[in-house]
Amino acid sequence: MGSFSIWHWLVVLVIVLLLFGAGKIPKLMGDMAKGVTAFKKGLKDGDEEPAKPATETTAQVTEQPPVAGDAAKKEAKA
């Protein structure tokens, strides 16, 4: 009585197929996979948020004035 036989699992499978239909089960599993993926993405985003302000301040791009040689090259081409 402690373990279930193959007949028990077949009856359970038939009942599940009758309740949900054969077409809904793959859709249900796909939706579950999307939910797990979104959950994992949310966990990663939560870990990276405190690090974002620090990287934005260190990755500032500054414009440099043009080099004198560049202007001379442009005038020579014209």
PDB file of N, CA and C in Angstrom:
ATOM      1  N   MET A   1       0.810  -1.195   0.000  1.00  0.00           N
ATOM      2  CA  MET A   1       0.000   0.000   0.000  1.00  0.00           C
ATOM      3  C   MET A   1       0.857   1.264   0.000  1.00  0.00           C
ATOM      4  N   GLY A   2       2.107   1.162   0.390  1.00  0.00           N
ATOM      5  CA  GLY A   2       2.961   2.340   0.461  1.00  0.00           C
ATOM      6  C   GLY A   2       3.342   2.877  -0.904  1.00  0.00           C
ATOM      7  N   SER A   3       3.506   2.021  -1.907  1.00  0.00           N
ATOM      8  CA  SER A   3       3.878   2.498  -3.234  1.00  0.00           C
ATOM      9  C   SER A   3       2.706   2.345  -4.193  1.00  0.00           C
ATOM     10  N   PHE A   4       2.686   3.209  -5.201  1.00  0.00           N
ATOM     11  CA  PHE A   4       1.588   3.175  -6.156  1.00  0.00           C
ATOM     12  C   PHE A   4       1.971   2.315  -7.348  1.00  0.00           C
ATOM     13  N   SER A   5       1.020   1.603  -7.906  1.00  0.00           N
ATOM     14  CA  SER A   5       1.284   0.738  -9.047  1.00  0.00           C
ATOM     15  C   SER A   5       1.185   1.540 -10.342  1.00  0.00           C
ATOM     16  N   ILE A   6       1.568   0.917 -11.423  1.00  0.00           N
ATOM     17  CA  ILE A   6       1.492   1.561 -12.735  1.00  0.00           C
ATOM     18  C   ILE A   6       0.042   1.880 -13.095  1.00  0.00           C
ATOM     19  N   TRP A   7      -0.897   1.039 -12.653  1.00  0.00           N
ATOM     20  CA  TRP A   7      -2.307   1.270 -12.940  1.00  0.00           C
ATOM     21  C   TRP A   7      -2.801   2.547 -12.262  1.00  0.00           C
ATOM     22  N   HIS A   8      -2.320   2.802 -11.078  1.00  0.00           N
ATOM     23  CA  HIS A   8      -2.709   4.025 -10.372  1.00  0.00           C
ATOM     24  C   HIS A   8      -2.277   5.248 -11.172  1.00  0.00           C
ATOM     25  N   TRP A   9      -1.046   5.261 -11.649  1.00  0.00           N
ATOM     26  CA  TRP A   9      -0.533   6.403 -12.407  1.00  0.00           C
ATOM     27  C   TRP A   9      -1.237   6.542 -13.751  1.00  0.00           C
ATOM     28  N   LEU A  10      -1.614   5.449 -14.390  1.00  0.00           N
ATOM     29  CA  LEU A  10      -2.358   5.529 -15.650  1.00  0.00           C
ATOM     30  C   LEU A  10      -3.739   6.136 -15.446  1.00  0.00           C
ATOM     31  N   VAL A  11      -4.411   5.762 -14.358  1.00  0.00           N
ATOM     32  CA  VAL A  11      -5.723   6.333 -14.054  1.00  0.00           C
ATOM     33  C   VAL A  11      -5.586   7.827 -13.782  1.00  0.00           C
ATOM     34  N   VAL A  12      -4.571   8.229 -13.035  1.00  0.00           N
ATOM     35  CA  VAL A  12      -4.337   9.649 -12.751  1.00  0.00           C
ATOM     36  C   VAL A  12      -4.069  10.406 -14.047  1.00  0.00           C
ATOM     37  N   LEU A  13      -3.266   9.832 -14.946  1.00  0.00           N
ATOM     38  CA  LEU A  13      -2.969  10.462 -16.228  1.00  0.00           C
ATOM     39  C   LEU A  13      -4.224  10.637 -17.073  1.00  0.00           C
ATOM     40  N   VAL A  14      -5.078   9.643 -17.111  1.00  0.00           N
ATOM     41  CA  VAL A  14      -6.330   9.729 -17.878  1.00  0.00           C
ATOM     42  C   VAL A  14      -7.225  10.821 -17.305  1.00  0.00           C
ATOM     43  N   ILE A  15      -7.322  10.902 -16.009  1.00  0.00           N
ATOM     44  CA  ILE A  15      -8.159  11.934 -15.372  1.00  0.00           C
ATOM     45  C   ILE A  15      -7.615  13.328 -15.682  1.00  0.00           C
ATOM     46  N   VAL A  16      -6.303  13.499 -15.612  1.00  0.00           N
ATOM     47  CA  VAL A  16      -5.694  14.796 -15.919  1.00  0.00           C
ATOM     48  C   VAL A  16      -5.951  15.169 -17.370  1.00  0.00           C
ATOM     49  N   LEU A  17      -5.793  14.219 -18.293  1.00  0.00           N
ATOM     50  CA  LEU A  17      -6.054  14.497 -19.706  1.00  0.00           C
ATOM     51  C   LEU A  17      -7.511  14.860 -19.949  1.00  0.00           C
ATOM     52  N   LEU A  18      -8.428  14.212 -19.246  1.00  0.00           N
ATOM     53  CA  LEU A  18      -9.842  14.533 -19.402  1.00  0.00           C
ATOM     54  C   LEU A  18     -10.171  15.921 -18.856  1.00  0.00           C
ATOM     55  N   LEU A  19      -9.550  16.289 -17.752  1.00  0.00           N
ATOM     56  CA  LEU A  19      -9.829  17.595 -17.154  1.00  0.00           C
ATOM     57  C   LEU A  19      -9.234  18.742 -17.956  1.00  0.00           C
ATOM     58  N   PHE A  20      -7.979  18.616 -18.331  1.00  0.00           N
ATOM     59  CA  PHE A  20      -7.278  19.719 -18.977  1.00  0.00           C
ATOM     60  C   PHE A  20      -7.264  19.621 -20.496  1.00  0.00           C
ATOM     61  N   GLY A  21      -7.387  18.441 -21.048  1.00  0.00           N
ATOM     62  CA  GLY A  21      -7.286  18.262 -22.486  1.00  0.00           C
ATOM     63  C   GLY A  21      -5.828  18.141 -22.900  1.00  0.00           C
ATOM     64  N   ALA A  22      -5.602  17.437 -23.987  1.00  0.00           N
ATOM     65  CA  ALA A  22      -4.223  17.190 -24.426  1.00  0.00           C
ATOM     66  C   ALA A  22      -3.557  18.462 -24.940  1.00  0.00           C
ATOM     67  N   GLY A  23      -4.323  19.418 -25.454  1.00  0.00           N
ATOM     68  CA  GLY A  23      -3.746  20.637 -26.005  1.00  0.00           C
ATOM     69  C   GLY A  23      -3.356  21.663 -24.961  1.00  0.00           C
ATOM     70  N   LYS A  24      -4.003  21.636 -23.815  1.00  0.00           N
ATOM     71  CA  LYS A  24      -3.737  22.654 -22.798  1.00  0.00           C
ATOM     72  C   LYS A  24      -2.482  22.359 -21.978  1.00  0.00           C
ATOM     73  N   ILE A  25      -2.089  21.120 -21.895  1.00  0.00           N
ATOM     74  CA  ILE A  25      -0.947  20.767 -21.052  1.00  0.00           C
ATOM     75  C   ILE A  25       0.354  21.376 -21.577  1.00  0.00           C
ATOM     76  N   PRO A  26       0.680  21.281 -22.877  1.00  0.00           N
ATOM     77  CA  PRO A  26       1.903  21.942 -23.356  1.00  0.00           C
ATOM     78  C   PRO A  26       1.859  23.461 -23.178  1.00  0.00           C
ATOM     79  N   LYS A  27       0.675  24.052 -23.381  1.00  0.00           N
ATOM     80  CA  LYS A  27       0.532  25.499 -23.181  1.00  0.00           C
ATOM     81  C   LYS A  27       0.775  25.862 -21.717  1.00  0.00           C
ATOM     82  N   LEU A  28       0.254  25.041 -20.822  1.00  0.00           N
ATOM     83  CA  LEU A  28       0.433  25.263 -19.394  1.00  0.00           C
ATOM     84  C   LEU A  28       1.908  25.170 -19.013  1.00  0.00           C
ATOM     85  N   MET A  29       2.609  24.193 -19.569  1.00  0.00           N
ATOM     86  CA  MET A  29       4.030  24.035 -19.276  1.00  0.00           C
ATOM     87  C   MET A  29       4.842  25.193 -19.855  1.00  0.00           C
ATOM     88  N   GLY A  30       4.450  25.682 -21.035  1.00  0.00           N
ATOM     89  CA  GLY A  30       5.129  26.835 -21.630  1.00  0.00           C
ATOM     90  C   GLY A  30       4.955  28.082 -20.784  1.00  0.00           C
ATOM     91  N   ASP A  31       3.746  28.286 -20.281  1.00  0.00           N
ATOM     92  CA  ASP A  31       3.496  29.430 -19.402  1.00  0.00           C
ATOM     93  C   ASP A  31       4.290  29.318 -18.106  1.00  0.00           C
ATOM     94  N   MET A  32       4.406  28.100 -17.594  1.00  0.00           N
ATOM     95  CA  MET A  32       5.184  27.900 -16.373  1.00  0.00           C
ATOM     96  C   MET A  32       6.666  28.200 -16.631  1.00  0.00           C
ATOM     97  N   ALA A  33       7.174  27.796 -17.783  1.00  0.00           N
ATOM     98  CA  ALA A  33       8.571  28.064 -18.118  1.00  0.00           C
ATOM     99  C   ALA A  33       8.823  29.561 -18.260  1.00  0.00           C
ATOM    100  N   LYS A  34       7.882  30.295 -18.856  1.00  0.00           N
ATOM    101  CA  LYS A  34       8.024  31.748 -18.967  1.00  0.00           C
ATOM    102  C   LYS A  34       8.033  32.398 -17.592  1.00  0.00           C
ATOM    103  N   GLY A  35       7.207  31.882 -16.697  1.00  0.00           N
ATOM    104  CA  GLY A  35       7.172  32.427 -15.341  1.00  0.00           C
ATOM    105  C   GLY A  35       8.472  32.203 -14.600  1.00  0.00           C
ATOM    106  N   VAL A  36       9.053  31.023 -14.760  1.00  0.00           N
ATOM    107  CA  VAL A  36      10.336  30.719 -14.110  1.00  0.00           C
ATOM    108  C   VAL A  36      11.431  31.612 -14.680  1.00  0.00           C
ATOM    109  N   THR A  37      11.412  31.812 -16.008  1.00  0.00           N
ATOM    110  CA  THR A  37      12.413  32.668 -16.643  1.00  0.00           C
ATOM    111  C   THR A  37      12.286  34.107 -16.149  1.00  0.00           C
ATOM    112  N   ALA A  38      11.065  34.603 -16.051  1.00  0.00           N
ATOM    113  CA  ALA A  38      10.852  35.962 -15.555  1.00  0.00           C
ATOM    114  C   ALA A  38      11.289  36.087 -14.095  1.00  0.00           C
ATOM    115  N   PHE A  39      11.047  35.053 -13.313  1.00  0.00           N
ATOM    116  CA  PHE A  39      11.463  35.064 -11.911  1.00  0.00           C
ATOM    117  C   PHE A  39      12.984  35.133 -11.799  1.00  0.00           C
ATOM    118  N   LYS A  40      13.689  34.320 -12.597  1.00  0.00           N
ATOM    119  CA  LYS A  40      15.153  34.339 -12.565  1.00  0.00           C
ATOM    120  C   LYS A  40      15.701  35.687 -13.020  1.00  0.00           C
ATOM    121  N   LYS A  41      15.073  36.273 -14.054  1.00  0.00           N
ATOM    122  CA  LYS A  41      15.500  37.587 -14.532  1.00  0.00           C
ATOM    123  C   LYS A  41      15.292  38.643 -13.452  1.00  0.00           C
ATOM    124  N   GLY A  42      14.177  38.535 -12.727  1.00  0.00           N
ATOM    125  CA  GLY A  42      13.917  39.470 -11.640  1.00  0.00           C
ATOM    126  C   GLY A  42      14.935  39.357 -10.521  1.00  0.00           C
ATOM    127  N   LEU A  43      15.377  38.138 -10.249  1.00  0.00           N
ATOM    128  CA  LEU A  43      16.405  37.961  -9.222  1.00  0.00           C
ATOM    129  C   LEU A  43      17.729  38.578  -9.662  1.00  0.00           C
ATOM    130  N   LYS A  44      18.074  38.408 -10.932  1.00  0.00           N
ATOM    131  CA  LYS A  44      19.327  38.988 -11.436  1.00  0.00           C
ATOM    132  C   LYS A  44      19.256  40.502 -11.445  1.00  0.00           C
ATOM    133  N   ASP A  45      18.105  41.065 -11.846  1.00  0.00           N
ATOM    134  CA  ASP A  45      17.949  42.514 -11.859  1.00  0.00           C
ATOM    135  C   ASP A  45      18.030  43.088 -10.459  1.00  0.00           C
ATOM    136  N   GLY A  46      17.511  42.384  -9.488  1.00  0.00           N
ATOM    137  CA  GLY A  46      17.564  42.852  -8.107  1.00  0.00           C
ATOM    138  C   GLY A  46      18.979  42.896  -7.572  1.00  0.00           C
ATOM    139  N   ASP A  47      19.827  41.978  -8.010  1.00  0.00           N
ATOM    140  CA  ASP A  47      21.214  41.956  -7.576  1.00  0.00           C
ATOM    141  C   ASP A  47      22.032  43.053  -8.238  1.00  0.00           C
ATOM    142  N   GLU A  48      21.686  43.431  -9.466  1.00  0.00           N
ATOM    143  CA  GLU A  48      22.495  44.390 -10.218  1.00  0.00           C
ATOM    144  C   GLU A  48      22.113  45.838  -9.947  1.00  0.00           C
ATOM    145  N   GLU A  49      20.954  46.118  -9.381  1.00  0.00           N
ATOM    146  CA  GLU A  49      20.517  47.491  -9.187  1.00  0.00           C
ATOM    147  C   GLU A  49      21.463  48.329  -8.338  1.00  0.00           C
ATOM    148  N   PRO A  50      21.963  47.857  -7.191  1.00  0.00           N
ATOM    149  CA  PRO A  50      22.871  48.703  -6.417  1.00  0.00           C
ATOM    150  C   PRO A  50      24.176  49.000  -7.155  1.00  0.00           C
ATOM    151  N   ALA A  51      24.589  48.159  -8.073  1.00  0.00           N
ATOM    152  CA  ALA A  51      25.848  48.369  -8.780  1.00  0.00           C
ATOM    153  C   ALA A  51      25.701  49.368  -9.918  1.00  0.00           C
ATOM    154  N   LYS A  52      24.497  49.625 -10.421  1.00  0.00           N
ATOM    155  CA  LYS A  52      24.313  50.503 -11.568  1.00  0.00           C
ATOM    156  C   LYS A  52      24.785  51.937 -11.329  1.00  0.00           C
ATOM    157  N   PRO A  53      24.395  52.607 -10.256  1.00  0.00           N
ATOM    158  CA  PRO A  53      24.857  53.989 -10.083  1.00  0.00           C
ATOM    159  C   PRO A  53      26.373  54.104 -10.029  1.00  0.00           C
ATOM    160  N   ALA A  54      27.043  53.146  -9.457  1.00  0.00           N
ATOM    161  CA  ALA A  54      28.498  53.208  -9.375  1.00  0.00           C
ATOM    162  C   ALA A  54      29.131  53.094 -10.755  1.00  0.00           C
ATOM    163  N   THR A  55      28.591  52.253 -11.629  1.00  0.00           N
ATOM    164  CA  THR A  55      29.164  52.095 -12.966  1.00  0.00           C
ATOM    165  C   THR A  55      28.840  53.288 -13.846  1.00  0.00           C
ATOM    166  N   GLU A  56      27.700  53.938 -13.643  1.00  0.00           N
ATOM    167  CA  GLU A  56      27.361  55.091 -14.458  1.00  0.00           C
ATOM    168  C   GLU A  56      28.293  56.265 -14.169  1.00  0.00           C
ATOM    169  N   THR A  57      28.685  56.454 -12.928  1.00  0.00           N
ATOM    170  CA  THR A  57      29.548  57.577 -12.609  1.00  0.00           C
ATOM    171  C   THR A  57      30.978  57.335 -13.060  1.00  0.00           C
ATOM    172  N   THR A  58      31.403  56.084 -13.090  1.00  0.00           N
ATOM    173  CA  THR A  58      32.777  55.807 -13.502  1.00  0.00           C
ATOM    174  C   THR A  58      32.913  55.701 -15.010  1.00  0.00           C
ATOM    175  N   ALA A  59      31.805  55.527 -15.717  1.00  0.00           N
ATOM    176  CA  ALA A  59      31.880  55.342 -17.158  1.00  0.00           C
ATOM    177  C   ALA A  59      31.464  56.605 -17.905  1.00  0.00           C
ATOM    178  N   GLN A  60      31.702  57.771 -17.333  1.00  0.00           N
ATOM    179  CA  GLN A  60      31.346  59.013 -17.992  1.00  0.00           C
ATOM    180  C   GLN A  60      32.302  59.255 -19.153  1.00  0.00           C
ATOM    181  N   VAL A  61      31.713  59.689 -20.264  1.00  0.00           N
ATOM    182  CA  VAL A  61      32.509  59.942 -21.456  1.00  0.00           C
ATOM    183  C   VAL A  61      32.683  61.444 -21.587  1.00  0.00           C
ATOM    184  N   THR A  62      33.927  61.879 -21.759  1.00  0.00           N
ATOM    185  CA  THR A  62      34.198  63.298 -21.932  1.00  0.00           C
ATOM    186  C   THR A  62      34.686  63.528 -23.351  1.00  0.00           C
ATOM    187  N   GLU A  63      34.305  64.661 -23.911  1.00  0.00           N
ATOM    188  CA  GLU A  63      34.750  65.002 -25.258  1.00  0.00           C
ATOM    189  C   GLU A  63      36.110  65.678 -25.171  1.00  0.00           C
ATOM    190  N   GLN A  64      36.977  65.294 -26.077  1.00  0.00           N
ATOM    191  CA  GLN A  64      38.300  65.892 -26.125  1.00  0.00           C
ATOM    192  C   GLN A  64      38.354  66.882 -27.276  1.00  0.00           C
ATOM    193  N   PRO A  65      39.088  67.968 -27.116  1.00  0.00           N
ATOM    194  CA  PRO A  65      39.185  68.942 -28.211  1.00  0.00           C
ATOM    195  C   PRO A  65      39.928  68.320 -29.394  1.00  0.00           C
ATOM    196  N   PRO A  66      39.629  68.757 -30.603  1.00  0.00           N
ATOM    197  CA  PRO A  66      40.309  68.194 -31.765  1.00  0.00           C
ATOM    198  C   PRO A  66      41.800  68.519 -31.742  1.00  0.00           C
ATOM    199  N   VAL A  67      42.563  67.633 -32.276  1.00  0.00           N
ATOM    200  CA  VAL A  67      44.011  67.809 -32.323  1.00  0.00           C
ATOM    201  C   VAL A  67      44.342  68.732 -33.491  1.00  0.00           C
ATOM    202  N   ALA A  68      45.379  69.571 -33.328  1.00  0.00           N
ATOM    203  CA  ALA A  68      45.750  70.545 -34.349  1.00  0.00           C
ATOM    204  C   ALA A  68      46.095  69.865 -35.673  1.00  0.00           C
ATOM    205  N   GLY A  69      46.665  68.706 -35.637  1.00  0.00           N
ATOM    206  CA  GLY A  69      47.032  67.994 -36.860  1.00  0.00           C
ATOM    207  C   GLY A  69      45.814  67.583 -37.668  1.00  0.00           C
ATOM    208  N   ASP A  70      44.698  67.308 -37.005  1.00  0.00           N
ATOM    209  CA  ASP A  70      43.474  66.926 -37.702  1.00  0.00           C
ATOM    210  C   ASP A  70      42.946  68.059 -38.541  1.00  0.00           C
ATOM    211  N   ALA A  71      42.979  69.280 -38.027  1.00  0.00           N
ATOM    212  CA  ALA A  71      42.509  70.448 -38.776  1.00  0.00           C
ATOM    213  C   ALA A  71      43.381  70.686 -39.995  1.00  0.00           C
ATOM    214  N   ALA A  72      44.682  70.492 -39.849  1.00  0.00           N
ATOM    215  CA  ALA A  72      45.603  70.699 -40.966  1.00  0.00           C
ATOM    216  C   ALA A  72      45.350  69.668 -42.068  1.00  0.00           C
ATOM    217  N   LYS A  73      45.042  68.444 -41.698  1.00  0.00           N
ATOM    218  CA  LYS A  73      44.759  67.399 -42.671  1.00  0.00           C
ATOM    219  C   LYS A  73      43.474  67.721 -43.442  1.00  0.00           C
ATOM    220  N   LYS A  74      42.462  68.229 -42.737  1.00  0.00           N
ATOM    221  CA  LYS A  74      41.198  68.575 -43.387  1.00  0.00           C
ATOM    222  C   LYS A  74      41.388  69.719 -44.377  1.00  0.00           C
ATOM    223  N   GLU A  75      42.208  70.720 -44.013  1.00  0.00           N
ATOM    224  CA  GLU A  75      42.462  71.844 -44.906  1.00  0.00           C
ATOM    225  C   GLU A  75      43.257  71.409 -46.132  1.00  0.00           C
ATOM    226  N   ALA A  76      44.156  70.445 -45.937  1.00  0.00           N
ATOM    227  CA  ALA A  76      44.985  69.974 -47.052  1.00  0.00           C
ATOM    228  C   ALA A  76      44.123  69.201 -48.062  1.00  0.00           C
ATOM    229  N   LYS A  77      43.104  68.505 -47.582  1.00  0.00           N
ATOM    230  CA  LYS A  77      42.228  67.743 -48.464  1.00  0.00           C
ATOM    231  C   LYS A  77      41.344  68.680 -49.278  1.00  0.00           C
ATOM    232  N   ALA A  78      40.979  69.847 -48.729  1.00  0.00           N
ATOM    233  CA  ALA A  78      40.057  70.761 -49.404  1.00  0.00           C
ATOM    234  C   ALA A  78      40.733  71.556 -50.459  1.00  0.00           C
TER     235      ALA A  78
END
